[in-house]
């Protein structure tokens, strides 16, 4: 009996689970529209020689970071097609920044919308898309790449009444 109660209590707290335990898309239609912003980051470990090839634009597939920026933006725009229970959001802005270090590169994705739900998943998918593109473009020259530390670092919501000012 306790296991059943625990299960029911957990389902009550999970907004993507209906009362009968089925996956569902959350109804946000009654929520007010607000400005939403989320920022995610992730890293890719690259060998020094790979970073040198990237900086000299000598990767055979083309300009790695320019392509990764476009891929990250495109990925963020496709989030609802990739994550089954995500809402399709009108993205006002998606920005991808890539910074190199001696270990590799860090990708940051900032996504922004005016909607009834947040853009955390879009920021995370944007980062992941950019990182996977770097991996794909460099896999012929670097067999030791590692993608790691993908995470949400910022989430912001502005009250609806401040949108008119």
C-alpha atoms as a PDB file:
ATOM      1  CA  UNK A   1       0.000   0.000   0.000  1.00  0.00           C
ATOM      2  CA  UNK A   2       2.799   2.418   0.867  1.00  0.00           C
ATOM      3  CA  UNK A   3       4.518   1.795  -2.487  1.00  0.00           C
ATOM      4  CA  UNK A   4       1.262   2.650  -4.267  1.00  0.00           C
ATOM      5  CA  UNK A   5       0.868   5.849  -2.216  1.00  0.00           C
ATOM      6  CA  UNK A   6       4.476   6.847  -2.912  1.00  0.00           C
ATOM      7  CA  UNK A   7       3.923   6.235  -6.609  1.00  0.00           C
ATOM      8  CA  UNK A   8       0.742   8.339  -6.652  1.00  0.00           C
ATOM      9  CA  UNK A   9       2.426  11.146  -4.702  1.00  0.00           C
ATOM     10  CA  UNK A  10       5.338  11.183  -7.134  1.00  0.00           C
ATOM     11  CA  UNK A  11       2.989  11.300 -10.143  1.00  0.00           C
ATOM     12  CA  UNK A  12       1.186  14.287  -8.617  1.00  0.00           C
ATOM     13  CA  UNK A  13       4.487  16.169  -8.556  1.00  0.00           C
ATOM     14  CA  UNK A  14       5.519  15.277 -12.115  1.00  0.00           C
ATOM     15  CA  UNK A  15       3.662  17.642 -14.415  1.00  0.00           C
ATOM     16  CA  UNK A  16       4.364  15.498 -17.494  1.00  0.00           C
ATOM     17  CA  UNK A  17       2.650  12.455 -15.969  1.00  0.00           C
ATOM     18  CA  UNK A  18      -1.165  12.202 -15.952  1.00  0.00           C
ATOM     19  CA  UNK A  19      -3.098  10.845 -12.975  1.00  0.00           C
ATOM     20  CA  UNK A  20      -3.225   7.413 -14.637  1.00  0.00           C
ATOM     21  CA  UNK A  21       0.556   7.378 -15.168  1.00  0.00           C
ATOM     22  CA  UNK A  22       0.692   8.293 -18.860  1.00  0.00           C
ATOM     23  CA  UNK A  23       3.110  10.798 -20.345  1.00  0.00           C
ATOM     24  CA  UNK A  24       1.412  14.043 -21.300  1.00  0.00           C
ATOM     25  CA  UNK A  25       2.227  17.499 -22.576  1.00  0.00           C
ATOM     26  CA  UNK A  26       1.610  20.096 -19.861  1.00  0.00           C
ATOM     27  CA  UNK A  27      -1.253  22.503 -20.584  1.00  0.00           C
ATOM     28  CA  UNK A  28       0.200  26.015 -20.346  1.00  0.00           C
ATOM     29  CA  UNK A  29      -2.703  27.791 -22.049  1.00  0.00           C
ATOM     30  CA  UNK A  30      -3.895  29.428 -18.803  1.00  0.00           C
ATOM     31  CA  UNK A  31      -0.433  30.708 -17.876  1.00  0.00           C
ATOM     32  CA  UNK A  32       0.368  34.366 -18.583  1.00  0.00           C
ATOM     33  CA  UNK A  33       2.814  35.234 -21.334  1.00  0.00           C
ATOM     34  CA  UNK A  34       6.182  36.384 -20.020  1.00  0.00           C
ATOM     35  CA  UNK A  35       9.685  36.998 -21.276  1.00  0.00           C
ATOM     36  CA  UNK A  36      11.805  33.895 -20.746  1.00  0.00           C
ATOM     37  CA  UNK A  37      15.539  33.409 -21.052  1.00  0.00           C
ATOM     38  CA  UNK A  38      17.784  30.423 -20.407  1.00  0.00           C
ATOM     39  CA  UNK A  39      21.504  29.878 -20.778  1.00  0.00           C
ATOM     40  CA  UNK A  40      23.244  26.516 -20.999  1.00  0.00           C
ATOM     41  CA  UNK A  41      26.887  25.551 -21.393  1.00  0.00           C
ATOM     42  CA  UNK A  42      28.848  22.482 -22.334  1.00  0.00           C
ATOM     43  CA  UNK A  43      32.423  21.567 -23.092  1.00  0.00           C
ATOM     44  CA  UNK A  44      34.356  19.427 -25.520  1.00  0.00           C
ATOM     45  CA  UNK A  45      37.850  18.182 -24.793  1.00  0.00           C
ATOM     46  CA  UNK A  46      40.069  18.482 -27.886  1.00  0.00           C
ATOM     47  CA  UNK A  47      43.705  17.661 -28.525  1.00  0.00           C
ATOM     48  CA  UNK A  48      46.064  20.606 -29.005  1.00  0.00           C
ATOM     49  CA  UNK A  49      46.666  19.636 -32.648  1.00  0.00           C
ATOM     50  CA  UNK A  50      42.908  19.674 -33.267  1.00  0.00           C
ATOM     51  CA  UNK A  51      42.604  23.164 -31.802  1.00  0.00           C
ATOM     52  CA  UNK A  52      45.489  24.280 -34.027  1.00  0.00           C
ATOM     53  CA  UNK A  53      43.782  22.873 -37.135  1.00  0.00           C
ATOM     54  CA  UNK A  54      40.520  24.593 -36.179  1.00  0.00           C
ATOM     55  CA  UNK A  55      42.247  27.938 -35.595  1.00  0.00           C
ATOM     56  CA  UNK A  56      44.000  27.694 -38.977  1.00  0.00           C
ATOM     57  CA  UNK A  57      40.721  26.669 -40.670  1.00  0.00           C
ATOM     58  CA  UNK A  58      42.345  23.421 -41.827  1.00  0.00           C
ATOM     59  CA  UNK A  59      39.633  20.931 -40.875  1.00  0.00           C
ATOM     60  CA  UNK A  60      38.581  19.217 -44.100  1.00  0.00           C
ATOM     61  CA  UNK A  61      34.851  19.659 -43.476  1.00  0.00           C
ATOM     62  CA  UNK A  62      35.133  23.463 -43.226  1.00  0.00           C
ATOM     63  CA  UNK A  63      35.017  26.197 -40.599  1.00  0.00           C
ATOM     64  CA  UNK A  64      34.241  24.241 -37.440  1.00  0.00           C
ATOM     65  CA  UNK A  65      33.054  26.973 -35.089  1.00  0.00           C
ATOM     66  CA  UNK A  66      31.000  28.855 -37.716  1.00  0.00           C
ATOM     67  CA  UNK A  67      29.248  25.612 -38.614  1.00  0.00           C
ATOM     68  CA  UNK A  68      28.750  24.715 -34.941  1.00  0.00           C
ATOM     69  CA  UNK A  69      27.121  28.106 -34.258  1.00  0.00           C
ATOM     70  CA  UNK A  70      24.634  27.591 -37.076  1.00  0.00           C
ATOM     71  CA  UNK A  71      23.998  23.988 -35.981  1.00  0.00           C
ATOM     72  CA  UNK A  72      23.346  25.085 -32.398  1.00  0.00           C
ATOM     73  CA  UNK A  73      20.840  27.715 -33.488  1.00  0.00           C
ATOM     74  CA  UNK A  74      19.136  25.243 -35.807  1.00  0.00           C
ATOM     75  CA  UNK A  75      19.049  22.585 -33.086  1.00  0.00           C
ATOM     76  CA  UNK A  76      17.431  24.976 -30.592  1.00  0.00           C
ATOM     77  CA  UNK A  77      14.757  25.782 -33.181  1.00  0.00           C
ATOM     78  CA  UNK A  78      14.003  22.052 -33.531  1.00  0.00           C
ATOM     79  CA  UNK A  79      13.691  21.249 -29.830  1.00  0.00           C
ATOM     80  CA  UNK A  80       9.977  20.421 -29.934  1.00  0.00           C
ATOM     81  CA  UNK A  81      10.684  17.923 -32.732  1.00  0.00           C
ATOM     82  CA  UNK A  82      13.397  16.202 -30.682  1.00  0.00           C
ATOM     83  CA  UNK A  83      11.933  16.219 -27.166  1.00  0.00           C
ATOM     84  CA  UNK A  84       8.413  14.750 -27.340  1.00  0.00           C
ATOM     85  CA  UNK A  85       6.711  16.734 -24.559  1.00  0.00           C
ATOM     86  CA  UNK A  86       8.271  20.149 -25.236  1.00  0.00           C
ATOM     87  CA  UNK A  87       6.121  23.000 -26.472  1.00  0.00           C
ATOM     88  CA  UNK A  88       6.882  24.540 -29.846  1.00  0.00           C
ATOM     89  CA  UNK A  89       8.097  28.024 -28.894  1.00  0.00           C
ATOM     90  CA  UNK A  90       8.517  31.183 -30.943  1.00  0.00           C
ATOM     91  CA  UNK A  91      12.191  31.850 -30.280  1.00  0.00           C
ATOM     92  CA  UNK A  92      13.038  35.523 -30.314  1.00  0.00           C
ATOM     93  CA  UNK A  93      16.782  34.920 -30.080  1.00  0.00           C
ATOM     94  CA  UNK A  94      19.258  32.068 -29.936  1.00  0.00           C
ATOM     95  CA  UNK A  95      22.896  32.990 -29.480  1.00  0.00           C
ATOM     96  CA  UNK A  96      25.807  30.557 -29.540  1.00  0.00           C
ATOM     97  CA  UNK A  97      29.220  31.572 -28.191  1.00  0.00           C
ATOM     98  CA  UNK A  98      32.309  29.369 -28.417  1.00  0.00           C
ATOM     99  CA  UNK A  99      35.454  30.003 -26.401  1.00  0.00           C
ATOM    100  CA  UNK A 100      38.611  27.917 -26.619  1.00  0.00           C
ATOM    101  CA  UNK A 101      40.984  26.969 -23.833  1.00  0.00           C
ATOM    102  CA  UNK A 102      44.031  24.720 -23.567  1.00  0.00           C
ATOM    103  CA  UNK A 103      41.656  21.762 -22.936  1.00  0.00           C
ATOM    104  CA  UNK A 104      39.261  22.351 -25.824  1.00  0.00           C
ATOM    105  CA  UNK A 105      36.198  24.532 -26.251  1.00  0.00           C
ATOM    106  CA  UNK A 106      33.237  25.694 -24.209  1.00  0.00           C
ATOM    107  CA  UNK A 107      29.925  26.364 -25.939  1.00  0.00           C
ATOM    108  CA  UNK A 108      27.307  28.659 -24.435  1.00  0.00           C
ATOM    109  CA  UNK A 109      23.762  28.916 -25.763  1.00  0.00           C
ATOM    110  CA  UNK A 110      21.357  31.677 -24.723  1.00  0.00           C
ATOM    111  CA  UNK A 111      17.741  31.308 -25.830  1.00  0.00           C
ATOM    112  CA  UNK A 112      14.982  33.843 -25.399  1.00  0.00           C
ATOM    113  CA  UNK A 113      11.236  33.934 -26.034  1.00  0.00           C
ATOM    114  CA  UNK A 114       8.022  35.623 -25.012  1.00  0.00           C
ATOM    115  CA  UNK A 115       5.730  32.726 -24.210  1.00  0.00           C
ATOM    116  CA  UNK A 116       3.856  30.792 -21.534  1.00  0.00           C
ATOM    117  CA  UNK A 117       6.684  28.384 -20.772  1.00  0.00           C
ATOM    118  CA  UNK A 118      10.473  28.484 -20.473  1.00  0.00           C
ATOM    119  CA  UNK A 119      13.307  27.890 -22.932  1.00  0.00           C
ATOM    120  CA  UNK A 120      15.613  25.697 -20.837  1.00  0.00           C
ATOM    121  CA  UNK A 121      15.360  22.756 -23.203  1.00  0.00           C
ATOM    122  CA  UNK A 122      16.050  24.971 -26.214  1.00  0.00           C
ATOM    123  CA  UNK A 123      19.251  26.259 -24.604  1.00  0.00           C
ATOM    124  CA  UNK A 124      20.357  22.723 -23.709  1.00  0.00           C
ATOM    125  CA  UNK A 125      19.562  21.353 -27.169  1.00  0.00           C
ATOM    126  CA  UNK A 126      21.371  24.320 -28.763  1.00  0.00           C
ATOM    127  CA  UNK A 127      24.538  23.608 -26.759  1.00  0.00           C
ATOM    128  CA  UNK A 128      24.351  19.905 -27.517  1.00  0.00           C
ATOM    129  CA  UNK A 129      23.811  20.466 -31.242  1.00  0.00           C
ATOM    130  CA  UNK A 130      26.831  22.759 -31.428  1.00  0.00           C
ATOM    131  CA  UNK A 131      29.030  20.342 -29.461  1.00  0.00           C
ATOM    132  CA  UNK A 132      27.990  17.378 -31.601  1.00  0.00           C
ATOM    133  CA  UNK A 133      28.788  19.363 -34.726  1.00  0.00           C
ATOM    134  CA  UNK A 134      32.296  20.115 -33.454  1.00  0.00           C
ATOM    135  CA  UNK A 135      32.684  16.419 -32.689  1.00  0.00           C
ATOM    136  CA  UNK A 136      31.436  15.392 -36.142  1.00  0.00           C
ATOM    137  CA  UNK A 137      33.669  17.833 -37.979  1.00  0.00           C
ATOM    138  CA  UNK A 138      36.802  16.832 -36.045  1.00  0.00           C
ATOM    139  CA  UNK A 139      36.337  13.079 -35.625  1.00  0.00           C
ATOM    140  CA  UNK A 140      38.710  12.250 -38.487  1.00  0.00           C
ATOM    141  CA  UNK A 141      41.632  13.972 -36.743  1.00  0.00           C
ATOM    142  CA  UNK A 142      40.832  13.532 -33.043  1.00  0.00           C
ATOM    143  CA  UNK A 143      39.848  10.139 -31.638  1.00  0.00           C
ATOM    144  CA  UNK A 144      40.002  11.307 -28.019  1.00  0.00           C
ATOM    145  CA  UNK A 145      37.322  14.011 -27.976  1.00  0.00           C
ATOM    146  CA  UNK A 146      34.939  14.081 -25.030  1.00  0.00           C
ATOM    147  CA  UNK A 147      31.740  16.081 -24.607  1.00  0.00           C
ATOM    148  CA  UNK A 148      31.040  16.849 -20.965  1.00  0.00           C
ATOM    149  CA  UNK A 149      29.531  19.190 -18.381  1.00  0.00           C
ATOM    150  CA  UNK A 150      26.390  20.105 -20.348  1.00  0.00           C
ATOM    151  CA  UNK A 151      24.175  22.023 -17.941  1.00  0.00           C
ATOM    152  CA  UNK A 152      21.739  24.861 -17.457  1.00  0.00           C
ATOM    153  CA  UNK A 153      23.412  27.860 -15.802  1.00  0.00           C
ATOM    154  CA  UNK A 154      20.696  30.523 -15.953  1.00  0.00           C
ATOM    155  CA  UNK A 155      16.916  30.681 -16.084  1.00  0.00           C
ATOM    156  CA  UNK A 156      14.987  33.954 -16.066  1.00  0.00           C
ATOM    157  CA  UNK A 157      11.337  34.945 -16.233  1.00  0.00           C
ATOM    158  CA  UNK A 158      10.128  38.542 -16.441  1.00  0.00           C
ATOM    159  CA  UNK A 159       6.663  39.352 -15.128  1.00  0.00           C
ATOM    160  CA  UNK A 160       3.998  39.913 -17.808  1.00  0.00           C
ATOM    161  CA  UNK A 161       3.227  43.488 -16.675  1.00  0.00           C
ATOM    162  CA  UNK A 162       6.817  44.547 -17.392  1.00  0.00           C
ATOM    163  CA  UNK A 163       6.487  43.576 -21.069  1.00  0.00           C
ATOM    164  CA  UNK A 164       4.490  46.697 -21.903  1.00  0.00           C
ATOM    165  CA  UNK A 165       7.058  49.172 -20.563  1.00  0.00           C
END
